[in-house]
PDB file of all heavy atoms in Angstrom:
ATOM      1  N   SER A   1      74.974  72.524 124.615  1.00  0.00           N
ATOM      2  CA  SER A   1      75.716  71.433 124.322  1.00  0.00           C
ATOM      3  C   SER A   1      75.968  71.468 122.789  1.00  0.00           C
ATOM      4  O   SER A   1      77.119  71.207 122.303  1.00  0.00           O
ATOM      5  CB  SER A   1      75.089  70.103 124.744  1.00  0.00           C
ATOM      6  OG  SER A   1      74.885  70.082 126.210  1.00  0.00           O
ATOM      7  N   ALA A   2      74.973  71.565 122.030  1.00  0.00           N
ATOM      8  CA  ALA A   2      75.050  71.581 120.526  1.00  0.00           C
ATOM      9  C   ALA A   2      76.036  72.699 120.064  1.00  0.00           C
ATOM     10  O   ALA A   2      76.812  72.499 119.288  1.00  0.00           O
ATOM     11  CB  ALA A   2      73.684  71.754 119.887  1.00  0.00           C
ATOM     12  N   GLU A   3      75.872  73.954 120.766  1.00  0.00           N
ATOM     13  CA  GLU A   3      76.850  74.987 120.366  1.00  0.00           C
ATOM     14  C   GLU A   3      78.281  74.646 120.690  1.00  0.00           C
ATOM     15  O   GLU A   3      79.173  74.987 119.884  1.00  0.00           O
ATOM     16  CB  GLU A   3      76.360  76.229 121.138  1.00  0.00           C
ATOM     17  CG  GLU A   3      75.075  76.802 120.644  1.00  0.00           C
ATOM     18  CD  GLU A   3      74.616  78.020 121.518  1.00  0.00           C
ATOM     19  OE1 GLU A   3      75.438  78.515 122.371  1.00  0.00           O
ATOM     20  OE2 GLU A   3      73.485  78.487 121.409  1.00  0.00           O
ATOM     21  N   ILE A   4      78.541  74.037 121.866  1.00  0.00           N
ATOM     22  CA  ILE A   4      79.817  73.653 122.254  1.00  0.00           C
ATOM     23  C   ILE A   4      80.373  72.602 121.230  1.00  0.00           C
ATOM     24  O   ILE A   4      81.642  72.672 120.794  1.00  0.00           O
ATOM     25  CB  ILE A   4      79.865  73.168 123.707  1.00  0.00           C
ATOM     26  CG1 ILE A   4      79.600  74.248 124.686  1.00  0.00           C
ATOM     27  CG2 ILE A   4      81.279  72.463 124.074  1.00  0.00           C
ATOM     28  CD1 ILE A   4      79.359  73.802 126.106  1.00  0.00           C
ATOM     29  N   ILE A   5      79.621  71.610 120.928  1.00  0.00           N
ATOM     30  CA  ILE A   5      80.062  70.601 119.974  1.00  0.00           C
ATOM     31  C   ILE A   5      80.425  71.269 118.586  1.00  0.00           C
ATOM     32  O   ILE A   5      81.439  70.957 117.988  1.00  0.00           O
ATOM     33  CB  ILE A   5      79.034  69.469 119.862  1.00  0.00           C
ATOM     34  CG1 ILE A   5      79.046  68.645 121.151  1.00  0.00           C
ATOM     35  CG2 ILE A   5      79.387  68.546 118.588  1.00  0.00           C
ATOM     36  CD1 ILE A   5      77.844  67.643 121.217  1.00  0.00           C
ATOM     37  N   LEU A   6      79.480  72.102 118.152  1.00  0.00           N
ATOM     38  CA  LEU A   6      79.717  72.736 116.828  1.00  0.00           C
ATOM     39  C   LEU A   6      80.912  73.602 116.824  1.00  0.00           C
ATOM     40  O   LEU A   6      81.730  73.663 115.821  1.00  0.00           O
ATOM     41  CB  LEU A   6      78.510  73.572 116.407  1.00  0.00           C
ATOM     42  CG  LEU A   6      77.338  72.656 115.862  1.00  0.00           C
ATOM     43  CD1 LEU A   6      76.101  73.624 115.691  1.00  0.00           C
ATOM     44  CD2 LEU A   6      77.639  71.960 114.693  1.00  0.00           C
ATOM     45  N   ALA A   7      81.156  74.278 117.924  1.00  0.00           N
ATOM     46  CA  ALA A   7      82.398  75.211 118.122  1.00  0.00           C
ATOM     47  C   ALA A   7      83.658  74.365 117.950  1.00  0.00           C
ATOM     48  O   ALA A   7      84.676  74.848 117.421  1.00  0.00           O
ATOM     49  CB  ALA A   7      82.357  75.978 119.396  1.00  0.00           C
ATOM     50  N   ALA A   8      83.608  73.086 118.423  1.00  0.00           N
ATOM     51  CA  ALA A   8      84.784  72.297 118.333  1.00  0.00           C
ATOM     52  C   ALA A   8      85.191  71.939 116.895  1.00  0.00           C
ATOM     53  O   ALA A   8      86.254  71.589 116.536  1.00  0.00           O
ATOM     54  CB  ALA A   8      84.572  70.977 119.064  1.00  0.00           C
ATOM     55  N   PHE A   9      84.256  72.032 116.012  1.00  0.00           N
ATOM     56  CA  PHE A   9      84.405  71.729 114.498  1.00  0.00           C
ATOM     57  C   PHE A   9      84.548  72.961 113.654  1.00  0.00           C
ATOM     58  O   PHE A   9      84.744  72.812 112.431  1.00  0.00           O
ATOM     59  CB  PHE A   9      83.353  70.754 114.110  1.00  0.00           C
ATOM     60  CG  PHE A   9      83.384  69.380 114.629  1.00  0.00           C
ATOM     61  CD1 PHE A   9      82.736  69.000 115.813  1.00  0.00           C
ATOM     62  CD2 PHE A   9      84.183  68.396 114.007  1.00  0.00           C
ATOM     63  CE1 PHE A   9      82.864  67.639 116.287  1.00  0.00           C
ATOM     64  CE2 PHE A   9      84.223  67.164 114.395  1.00  0.00           C
ATOM     65  CZ  PHE A   9      83.627  66.747 115.533  1.00  0.00           C
ATOM     66  N   LYS A  10      84.570  74.170 114.238  1.00  0.00           N
ATOM     67  CA  LYS A  10      84.543  75.246 113.372  1.00  0.00           C
ATOM     68  C   LYS A  10      85.862  75.549 112.629  1.00  0.00           C
ATOM     69  O   LYS A  10      85.742  76.210 111.649  1.00  0.00           O
ATOM     70  CB  LYS A  10      84.143  76.437 114.227  1.00  0.00           C
ATOM     71  CG  LYS A  10      85.266  77.202 115.018  1.00  0.00           C
ATOM     72  CD  LYS A  10      84.755  78.472 115.659  1.00  0.00           C
ATOM     73  CE  LYS A  10      85.752  79.366 116.057  1.00  0.00           C
ATOM     74  NZ  LYS A  10      85.442  80.478 116.587  1.00  0.00           N
ATOM     75  N   GLU A  11      86.915  75.005 112.996  1.00  0.00           N
ATOM     76  CA  GLU A  11      88.260  75.205 112.337  1.00  0.00           C
ATOM     77  C   GLU A  11      88.449  74.245 111.233  1.00  0.00           C
ATOM     78  O   GLU A  11      89.528  74.246 110.656  1.00  0.00           O
ATOM     79  CB  GLU A  11      89.327  75.129 113.358  1.00  0.00           C
ATOM     80  CG  GLU A  11      89.225  76.264 114.422  1.00  0.00           C
ATOM     81  CD  GLU A  11      89.325  77.670 113.832  1.00  0.00           C
ATOM     82  OE1 GLU A  11      90.159  77.832 112.976  1.00  0.00           O
ATOM     83  OE2 GLU A  11      88.557  78.553 114.393  1.00  0.00           O
ATOM     84  N   ILE A  12      87.499  73.431 110.864  1.00  0.00           N
ATOM     85  CA  ILE A  12      87.642  72.405 109.762  1.00  0.00           C
ATOM     86  C   ILE A  12      87.601  73.326 108.358  1.00  0.00           C
ATOM     87  O   ILE A  12      86.772  74.090 108.189  1.00  0.00           O
ATOM     88  CB  ILE A  12      86.584  71.440 109.725  1.00  0.00           C
ATOM     89  CG1 ILE A  12      86.835  70.500 110.926  1.00  0.00           C
ATOM     90  CG2 ILE A  12      86.548  70.631 108.429  1.00  0.00           C
ATOM     91  CD1 ILE A  12      85.859  69.405 111.101  1.00  0.00           C
ATOM     92  N   THR A  13      88.536  72.899 107.559  1.00  0.00           N
ATOM     93  CA  THR A  13      88.534  73.634 106.229  1.00  0.00           C
ATOM     94  C   THR A  13      88.413  72.496 105.110  1.00  0.00           C
ATOM     95  O   THR A  13      89.224  71.474 105.251  1.00  0.00           O
ATOM     96  CB  THR A  13      89.907  74.434 106.056  1.00  0.00           C
ATOM     97  OG1 THR A  13      89.954  75.355 107.100  1.00  0.00           O
ATOM     98  CG2 THR A  13      89.967  75.079 104.713  1.00  0.00           C
ATOM     99  N   LEU A  14      87.569  72.729 104.180  1.00  0.00           N
ATOM    100  CA  LEU A  14      87.499  71.851 103.090  1.00  0.00           C
ATOM    101  C   LEU A  14      87.967  72.720 101.850  1.00  0.00           C
ATOM    102  O   LEU A  14      87.450  73.744 101.564  1.00  0.00           O
ATOM    103  CB  LEU A  14      86.040  71.447 102.751  1.00  0.00           C
ATOM    104  CG  LEU A  14      85.758  70.800 101.460  1.00  0.00           C
ATOM    105  CD1 LEU A  14      86.452  69.511 101.437  1.00  0.00           C
ATOM    106  CD2 LEU A  14      84.299  70.583 101.269  1.00  0.00           C
ATOM    107  N   LEU A  15      89.012  72.106 101.308  1.00  0.00           N
ATOM    108  CA  LEU A  15      89.669  72.794 100.123  1.00  0.00           C
ATOM    109  C   LEU A  15      89.294  71.836  98.872  1.00  0.00           C
ATOM    110  O   LEU A  15      89.668  70.740  98.831  1.00  0.00           O
ATOM    111  CB  LEU A  15      91.069  72.999 100.281  1.00  0.00           C
ATOM    112  CG  LEU A  15      91.993  73.495  99.162  1.00  0.00           C
ATOM    113  CD1 LEU A  15      91.550  74.933  98.919  1.00  0.00           C
ATOM    114  CD2 LEU A  15      93.454  73.453  99.547  1.00  0.00           C
ATOM    115  N   LEU A  16      88.714  72.519  97.881  1.00  0.00           N
ATOM    116  CA  LEU A  16      88.480  71.780  96.565  1.00  0.00           C
ATOM    117  C   LEU A  16      89.303  72.400  95.509  1.00  0.00           C
ATOM    118  O   LEU A  16      89.275  73.642  95.283  1.00  0.00           O
ATOM    119  CB  LEU A  16      86.996  71.993  96.200  1.00  0.00           C
ATOM    120  CG  LEU A  16      85.831  71.432  97.173  1.00  0.00           C
ATOM    121  CD1 LEU A  16      84.551  71.777  96.798  1.00  0.00           C
ATOM    122  CD2 LEU A  16      86.132  69.977  97.255  1.00  0.00           C
ATOM    123  N   ILE A  17      90.067  71.561  94.821  1.00  0.00           N
ATOM    124  CA  ILE A  17      91.037  71.970  93.803  1.00  0.00           C
ATOM    125  C   ILE A  17      90.559  71.326  92.555  1.00  0.00           C
ATOM    126  O   ILE A  17      90.465  70.123  92.362  1.00  0.00           O
ATOM    127  CB  ILE A  17      92.447  71.515  94.047  1.00  0.00           C
ATOM    128  CG1 ILE A  17      92.810  72.069  95.500  1.00  0.00           C
ATOM    129  CG2 ILE A  17      93.442  71.952  92.979  1.00  0.00           C
ATOM    130  CD1 ILE A  17      94.076  71.417  96.051  1.00  0.00           C
ATOM    131  N   GLU A  18      90.323  72.179  91.483  1.00  0.00           N
ATOM    132  CA  GLU A  18      89.867  71.708  90.258  1.00  0.00           C
ATOM    133  C   GLU A  18      91.156  71.566  89.223  1.00  0.00           C
ATOM    134  O   GLU A  18      91.821  72.552  89.157  1.00  0.00           O
ATOM    135  CB  GLU A  18      88.902  72.613  89.591  1.00  0.00           C
ATOM    136  CG  GLU A  18      88.291  72.083  88.303  1.00  0.00           C
ATOM    137  CD  GLU A  18      87.131  72.960  87.821  1.00  0.00           C
ATOM    138  OE1 GLU A  18      86.669  73.826  88.485  1.00  0.00           O
ATOM    139  OE2 GLU A  18      86.544  72.645  86.701  1.00  0.00           O
ATOM    140  N   VAL A  19      91.374  70.368  88.771  1.00  0.00           N
ATOM    141  CA  VAL A  19      92.524  70.116  87.807  1.00  0.00           C
ATOM    142  C   VAL A  19      91.865  69.608  86.558  1.00  0.00           C
ATOM    143  O   VAL A  19      91.360  68.313  86.703  1.00  0.00           O
ATOM    144  CB  VAL A  19      93.517  69.204  88.483  1.00  0.00           C
ATOM    145  CG1 VAL A  19      94.604  69.028  87.433  1.00  0.00           C
ATOM    146  CG2 VAL A  19      94.043  69.782  89.645  1.00  0.00           C
ATOM    147  N   LYS A  20      91.766  70.236  85.428  1.00  0.00           N
ATOM    148  CA  LYS A  20      91.202  69.826  84.173  1.00  0.00           C
ATOM    149  C   LYS A  20      89.791  69.402  84.453  1.00  0.00           C
ATOM    150  O   LYS A  20      89.056  70.172  84.787  1.00  0.00           O
ATOM    151  CB  LYS A  20      92.120  68.693  83.582  1.00  0.00           C
ATOM    152  CG  LYS A  20      93.443  69.191  83.128  1.00  0.00           C
ATOM    153  CD  LYS A  20      94.160  68.264  82.368  1.00  0.00           C
ATOM    154  CE  LYS A  20      95.529  68.654  81.999  1.00  0.00           C
ATOM    155  NZ  LYS A  20      96.320  67.815  81.184  1.00  0.00           N
ATOM    156  N   THR A  21      89.541  68.193  84.378  1.00  0.00           N
ATOM    157  CA  THR A  21      88.131  67.710  84.502  1.00  0.00           C
ATOM    158  C   THR A  21      87.754  66.962  85.854  1.00  0.00           C
ATOM    159  O   THR A  21      86.695  66.494  85.976  1.00  0.00           O
ATOM    160  CB  THR A  21      87.810  66.692  83.407  1.00  0.00           C
ATOM    161  OG1 THR A  21      88.601  65.593  83.518  1.00  0.00           O
ATOM    162  CG2 THR A  21      87.944  67.320  82.005  1.00  0.00           C
ATOM    163  N   GLU A  22      88.728  67.177  86.827  1.00  0.00           N
ATOM    164  CA  GLU A  22      88.477  66.456  88.092  1.00  0.00           C
ATOM    165  C   GLU A  22      88.547  67.546  89.314  1.00  0.00           C
ATOM    166  O   GLU A  22      89.324  68.527  89.078  1.00  0.00           O
ATOM    167  CB  GLU A  22      89.506  65.345  88.345  1.00  0.00           C
ATOM    168  CG  GLU A  22      89.265  64.162  87.496  1.00  0.00           C
ATOM    169  CD  GLU A  22      90.026  63.014  87.963  1.00  0.00           C
ATOM    170  OE1 GLU A  22      89.602  62.434  88.985  1.00  0.00           O
ATOM    171  OE2 GLU A  22      90.938  62.645  87.241  1.00  0.00           O
ATOM    172  N   ILE A  23      87.906  67.270  90.283  1.00  0.00           N
ATOM    173  CA  ILE A  23      87.951  68.111  91.451  1.00  0.00           C
ATOM    174  C   ILE A  23      88.485  67.260  92.657  1.00  0.00           C
ATOM    175  O   ILE A  23      88.000  66.157  92.921  1.00  0.00           O
ATOM    176  CB  ILE A  23      86.625  68.637  91.820  1.00  0.00           C
ATOM    177  CG1 ILE A  23      86.054  69.548  90.645  1.00  0.00           C
ATOM    178  CG2 ILE A  23      86.707  69.464  93.111  1.00  0.00           C
ATOM    179  CD1 ILE A  23      84.721  70.040  90.869  1.00  0.00           C
ATOM    180  N   TYR A  24      89.526  67.803  93.220  1.00  0.00           N
ATOM    181  CA  TYR A  24      90.170  66.988  94.417  1.00  0.00           C
ATOM    182  C   TYR A  24      89.777  67.684  95.759  1.00  0.00           C
ATOM    183  O   TYR A  24      89.748  68.987  95.810  1.00  0.00           O
ATOM    184  CB  TYR A  24      91.673  66.883  94.314  1.00  0.00           C
ATOM    185  CG  TYR A  24      92.139  66.201  93.094  1.00  0.00           C
ATOM    186  CD1 TYR A  24      92.342  66.729  91.819  1.00  0.00           C
ATOM    187  CD2 TYR A  24      92.316  64.762  93.120  1.00  0.00           C
ATOM    188  CE1 TYR A  24      92.619  65.973  90.709  1.00  0.00           C
ATOM    189  CE2 TYR A  24      92.801  63.979  92.069  1.00  0.00           C
ATOM    190  CZ  TYR A  24      92.867  64.753  90.808  1.00  0.00           C
ATOM    191  OH  TYR A  24      93.271  64.012  89.706  1.00  0.00           O
ATOM    192  N   ALA A  25      89.445  66.965  96.763  1.00  0.00           N
ATOM    193  CA  ALA A  25      89.054  67.463  98.039  1.00  0.00           C
ATOM    194  C   ALA A  25      90.248  67.224  99.070  1.00  0.00           C
ATOM    195  O   ALA A  25      90.838  66.147  99.066  1.00  0.00           O
ATOM    196  CB  ALA A  25      87.849  66.775  98.581  1.00  0.00           C
ATOM    197  N   HIS A  26      90.430  68.208  99.826  1.00  0.00           N
ATOM    198  CA  HIS A  26      91.463  68.093 100.998  1.00  0.00           C
ATOM    199  C   HIS A  26      90.825  68.758 102.202  1.00  0.00           C
ATOM    200  O   HIS A  26      90.155  69.853 102.292  1.00  0.00           O
ATOM    201  CB  HIS A  26      92.674  68.913 100.610  1.00  0.00           C
ATOM    202  CG  HIS A  26      93.640  68.920 101.870  1.00  0.00           C
ATOM    203  ND1 HIS A  26      94.293  67.794 102.230  1.00  0.00           N
ATOM    204  CD2 HIS A  26      93.959  69.895 102.771  1.00  0.00           C
ATOM    205  CE1 HIS A  26      95.058  68.153 103.347  1.00  0.00           C
ATOM    206  NE2 HIS A  26      94.833  69.368 103.628  1.00  0.00           N
ATOM    207  N   LEU A  27      90.810  67.989 103.354  1.00  0.00           N
ATOM    208  CA  LEU A  27      90.355  68.386 104.684  1.00  0.00           C
ATOM    209  C   LEU A  27      91.410  68.530 105.670  1.00  0.00           C
ATOM    210  O   LEU A  27      92.416  67.736 105.655  1.00  0.00           O
ATOM    211  CB  LEU A  27      89.304  67.408 105.202  1.00  0.00           C
ATOM    212  CG  LEU A  27      87.974  67.256 104.430  1.00  0.00           C
ATOM    213  CD1 LEU A  27      87.232  65.991 104.748  1.00  0.00           C
ATOM    214  CD2 LEU A  27      87.105  68.424 104.812  1.00  0.00           C
ATOM    215  N   THR A  28      91.295  69.547 106.521  1.00  0.00           N
ATOM    216  CA  THR A  28      92.244  69.658 107.696  1.00  0.00           C
ATOM    217  C   THR A  28      92.058  68.324 108.464  1.00  0.00           C
ATOM    218  O   THR A  28      90.928  67.857 108.685  1.00  0.00           O
ATOM    219  CB  THR A  28      92.034  70.882 108.462  1.00  0.00           C
ATOM    220  OG1 THR A  28      90.629  71.001 108.917  1.00  0.00           O
ATOM    221  CG2 THR A  28      92.403  72.072 107.725  1.00  0.00           C
ATOM    222  N   PRO A  29      93.192  67.847 109.065  1.00  0.00           N
ATOM    223  CA  PRO A  29      93.145  66.697 109.945  1.00  0.00           C
ATOM    224  C   PRO A  29      92.184  66.992 111.261  1.00  0.00           C
ATOM    225  O   PRO A  29      92.106  68.068 111.642  1.00  0.00           O
ATOM    226  CB  PRO A  29      94.541  66.466 110.370  1.00  0.00           C
ATOM    227  CG  PRO A  29      95.307  67.236 109.430  1.00  0.00           C
ATOM    228  CD  PRO A  29      94.506  68.324 108.947  1.00  0.00           C
ATOM    229  N   LEU A  30      91.597  65.943 111.697  1.00  0.00           N
ATOM    230  CA  LEU A  30      90.760  66.093 112.832  1.00  0.00           C
ATOM    231  C   LEU A  30      91.704  66.188 114.179  1.00  0.00           C
ATOM    232  O   LEU A  30      92.717  65.522 114.195  1.00  0.00           O
ATOM    233  CB  LEU A  30      89.902  64.815 113.117  1.00  0.00           C
ATOM    234  CG  LEU A  30      88.799  64.749 112.179  1.00  0.00           C
ATOM    235  CD1 LEU A  30      88.001  63.456 112.415  1.00  0.00           C
ATOM    236  CD2 LEU A  30      87.706  65.911 112.374  1.00  0.00           C
ATOM    237  N   SER A  31      91.337  67.037 115.062  1.00  0.00           N
ATOM    238  CA  SER A  31      91.959  67.082 116.423  1.00  0.00           C
ATOM    239  C   SER A  31      91.613  65.937 117.269  1.00  0.00           C
ATOM    240  O   SER A  31      90.643  65.253 116.986  1.00  0.00           O
ATOM    241  CB  SER A  31      91.700  68.354 117.114  1.00  0.00           C
ATOM    242  OG  SER A  31      90.353  68.399 117.500  1.00  0.00           O
ATOM    243  N   PRO A  32      92.372  65.661 118.291  1.00  0.00           N
ATOM    244  CA  PRO A  32      92.007  64.623 119.174  1.00  0.00           C
ATOM    245  C   PRO A  32      90.589  64.791 119.797  1.00  0.00           C
ATOM    246  O   PRO A  32      89.805  63.894 119.912  1.00  0.00           O
ATOM    247  CB  PRO A  32      93.082  64.656 120.306  1.00  0.00           C
ATOM    248  CG  PRO A  32      94.259  65.165 119.573  1.00  0.00           C
ATOM    249  CD  PRO A  32      93.736  66.216 118.583  1.00  0.00           C
ATOM    250  N   LEU A  33      90.206  66.181 120.133  1.00  0.00           N
ATOM    251  CA  LEU A  33      88.893  66.399 120.677  1.00  0.00           C
ATOM    252  C   LEU A  33      87.834  66.070 119.625  1.00  0.00           C
ATOM    253  O   LEU A  33      86.807  65.440 119.882  1.00  0.00           O
ATOM    254  CB  LEU A  33      88.822  67.850 121.073  1.00  0.00           C
ATOM    255  CG  LEU A  33      87.431  68.367 121.453  1.00  0.00           C
ATOM    256  CD1 LEU A  33      86.921  67.644 122.709  1.00  0.00           C
ATOM    257  CD2 LEU A  33      87.438  69.884 121.726  1.00  0.00           C
ATOM    258  N   GLN A  34      88.076  66.456 118.378  1.00  0.00           N
ATOM    259  CA  GLN A  34      87.089  66.063 117.316  1.00  0.00           C
ATOM    260  C   GLN A  34      86.919  64.633 117.109  1.00  0.00           C
ATOM    261  O   GLN A  34      85.742  64.141 116.970  1.00  0.00           O
ATOM    262  CB  GLN A  34      87.550  66.807 116.035  1.00  0.00           C
ATOM    263  CG  GLN A  34      87.380  68.403 116.074  1.00  0.00           C
ATOM    264  CD  GLN A  34      88.178  69.008 114.935  1.00  0.00           C
ATOM    265  OE1 GLN A  34      89.050  68.370 114.386  1.00  0.00           O
ATOM    266  NE2 GLN A  34      87.883  70.193 114.665  1.00  0.00           N
ATOM    267  N   LYS A  35      88.032  63.944 117.180  1.00  0.00           N
ATOM    268  CA  LYS A  35      87.881  62.532 117.004  1.00  0.00           C
ATOM    269  C   LYS A  35      87.092  61.822 118.200  1.00  0.00           C
ATOM    270  O   LYS A  35      86.289  60.953 117.980  1.00  0.00           O
ATOM    271  CB  LYS A  35      89.327  61.818 117.066  1.00  0.00           C
ATOM    272  CG  LYS A  35      90.039  62.116 115.772  1.00  0.00           C
ATOM    273  CD  LYS A  35      91.480  61.512 115.895  1.00  0.00           C
ATOM    274  CE  LYS A  35      92.265  61.801 114.584  1.00  0.00           C
ATOM    275  NZ  LYS A  35      93.637  61.369 114.584  1.00  0.00           N
ATOM    276  N   ARG A  36      87.303  62.324 119.380  1.00  0.00           N
ATOM    277  CA  ARG A  36      86.617  61.944 120.615  1.00  0.00           C
ATOM    278  C   ARG A  36      85.146  62.177 120.521  1.00  0.00           C
ATOM    279  O   ARG A  36      84.394  61.294 120.792  1.00  0.00           O
ATOM    280  CB  ARG A  36      87.168  62.557 121.882  1.00  0.00           C
ATOM    281  CG  ARG A  36      86.571  62.194 123.135  1.00  0.00           C
ATOM    282  CD  ARG A  36      87.071  60.833 123.552  1.00  0.00           C
ATOM    283  NE  ARG A  36      86.480  60.544 124.895  1.00  0.00           N
ATOM    284  CZ  ARG A  36      85.888  59.488 125.207  1.00  0.00           C
ATOM    285  NH1 ARG A  36      85.836  58.461 124.339  1.00  0.00           N
ATOM    286  NH2 ARG A  36      85.465  59.252 126.373  1.00  0.00           N
ATOM    287  N   ILE A  37      84.814  63.361 120.040  1.00  0.00           N
ATOM    288  CA  ILE A  37      83.430  63.743 119.972  1.00  0.00           C
ATOM    289  C   ILE A  37      82.700  62.733 118.910  1.00  0.00           C
ATOM    290  O   ILE A  37      81.652  62.221 119.176  1.00  0.00           O
ATOM    291  CB  ILE A  37      83.194  65.166 119.436  1.00  0.00           C
ATOM    292  CG1 ILE A  37      83.701  66.074 120.606  1.00  0.00           C
ATOM    293  CG2 ILE A  37      81.760  65.458 119.070  1.00  0.00           C
ATOM    294  CD1 ILE A  37      83.731  67.626 120.241  1.00  0.00           C
ATOM    295  N   LEU A  38      83.295  62.559 117.758  1.00  0.00           N
ATOM    296  CA  LEU A  38      82.816  61.640 116.802  1.00  0.00           C
ATOM    297  C   LEU A  38      82.620  60.188 117.417  1.00  0.00           C
ATOM    298  O   LEU A  38      81.523  59.579 117.209  1.00  0.00           O
ATOM    299  CB  LEU A  38      83.615  61.544 115.576  1.00  0.00           C
ATOM    300  CG  LEU A  38      83.622  62.757 114.553  1.00  0.00           C
ATOM    301  CD1 LEU A  38      84.513  62.575 113.413  1.00  0.00           C
ATOM    302  CD2 LEU A  38      82.247  63.107 114.105  1.00  0.00           C
ATOM    303  N   ALA A  39      83.653  59.679 118.152  1.00  0.00           N
ATOM    304  CA  ALA A  39      83.467  58.382 118.749  1.00  0.00           C
ATOM    305  C   ALA A  39      82.262  58.477 119.865  1.00  0.00           C
ATOM    306  O   ALA A  39      81.496  57.400 119.881  1.00  0.00           O
ATOM    307  CB  ALA A  39      84.794  58.082 119.460  1.00  0.00           C
ATOM    308  N   LEU A  40      82.183  59.490 120.613  1.00  0.00           N
ATOM    309  CA  LEU A  40      81.095  59.529 121.569  1.00  0.00           C
ATOM    310  C   LEU A  40      79.755  59.489 120.865  1.00  0.00           C
ATOM    311  O   LEU A  40      78.772  59.017 121.474  1.00  0.00           O
ATOM    312  CB  LEU A  40      81.364  60.636 122.471  1.00  0.00           C
ATOM    313  CG  LEU A  40      82.474  60.532 123.478  1.00  0.00           C
ATOM    314  CD1 LEU A  40      82.654  61.981 124.246  1.00  0.00           C
ATOM    315  CD2 LEU A  40      82.195  59.539 124.492  1.00  0.00           C
ATOM    316  N   LEU A  41      79.749  60.147 119.780  1.00  0.00           N
ATOM    317  CA  LEU A  41      78.369  60.074 119.009  1.00  0.00           C
ATOM    318  C   LEU A  41      78.140  58.802 118.187  1.00  0.00           C
ATOM    319  O   LEU A  41      77.043  58.713 117.595  1.00  0.00           O
ATOM    320  CB  LEU A  41      78.389  61.335 118.037  1.00  0.00           C
ATOM    321  CG  LEU A  41      78.367  62.680 118.726  1.00  0.00           C
ATOM    322  CD1 LEU A  41      78.507  63.841 117.660  1.00  0.00           C
ATOM    323  CD2 LEU A  41      77.093  62.937 119.481  1.00  0.00           C
ATOM    324  N   GLY A  42      79.051  57.959 118.264  1.00  0.00           N
ATOM    325  CA  GLY A  42      78.980  56.648 117.614  1.00  0.00           C
ATOM    326  C   GLY A  42      79.276  56.616 116.102  1.00  0.00           C
ATOM    327  O   GLY A  42      78.900  55.781 115.380  1.00  0.00           O
ATOM    328  N   PHE A  43      80.001  57.738 115.689  1.00  0.00           N
ATOM    329  CA  PHE A  43      80.389  57.838 114.189  1.00  0.00           C
ATOM    330  C   PHE A  43      81.808  57.270 114.052  1.00  0.00           C
ATOM    331  O   PHE A  43      82.726  57.755 114.816  1.00  0.00           O
ATOM    332  CB  PHE A  43      80.310  59.231 113.770  1.00  0.00           C
ATOM    333  CG  PHE A  43      78.960  59.798 113.726  1.00  0.00           C
ATOM    334  CD1 PHE A  43      78.615  60.832 114.537  1.00  0.00           C
ATOM    335  CD2 PHE A  43      78.003  59.393 112.827  1.00  0.00           C
ATOM    336  CE1 PHE A  43      77.286  61.400 114.485  1.00  0.00           C
ATOM    337  CE2 PHE A  43      76.730  59.831 112.720  1.00  0.00           C
ATOM    338  CZ  PHE A  43      76.325  60.916 113.631  1.00  0.00           C
ATOM    339  N   PRO A  44      82.137  56.528 112.987  1.00  0.00           N
ATOM    340  CA  PRO A  44      83.521  56.119 112.772  1.00  0.00           C
ATOM    341  C   PRO A  44      84.270  57.390 112.227  1.00  0.00           C
ATOM    342  O   PRO A  44      83.643  58.174 111.505  1.00  0.00           O
ATOM    343  CB  PRO A  44      83.339  55.059 111.743  1.00  0.00           C
ATOM    344  CG  PRO A  44      82.033  55.338 111.018  1.00  0.00           C
ATOM    345  CD  PRO A  44      81.182  55.989 112.086  1.00  0.00           C
TER     346      PRO A  44
END
């Protein structure tokens, strides 16, 4: 079960962009399945 849940999140990409003295984060949007898993686990 843990392997299946983790596999559902393997396509997430975190992109960090450094501009002068700041770092900006960008994440790929969650799929409907990923949103459902978070909801079932009780995470907002």
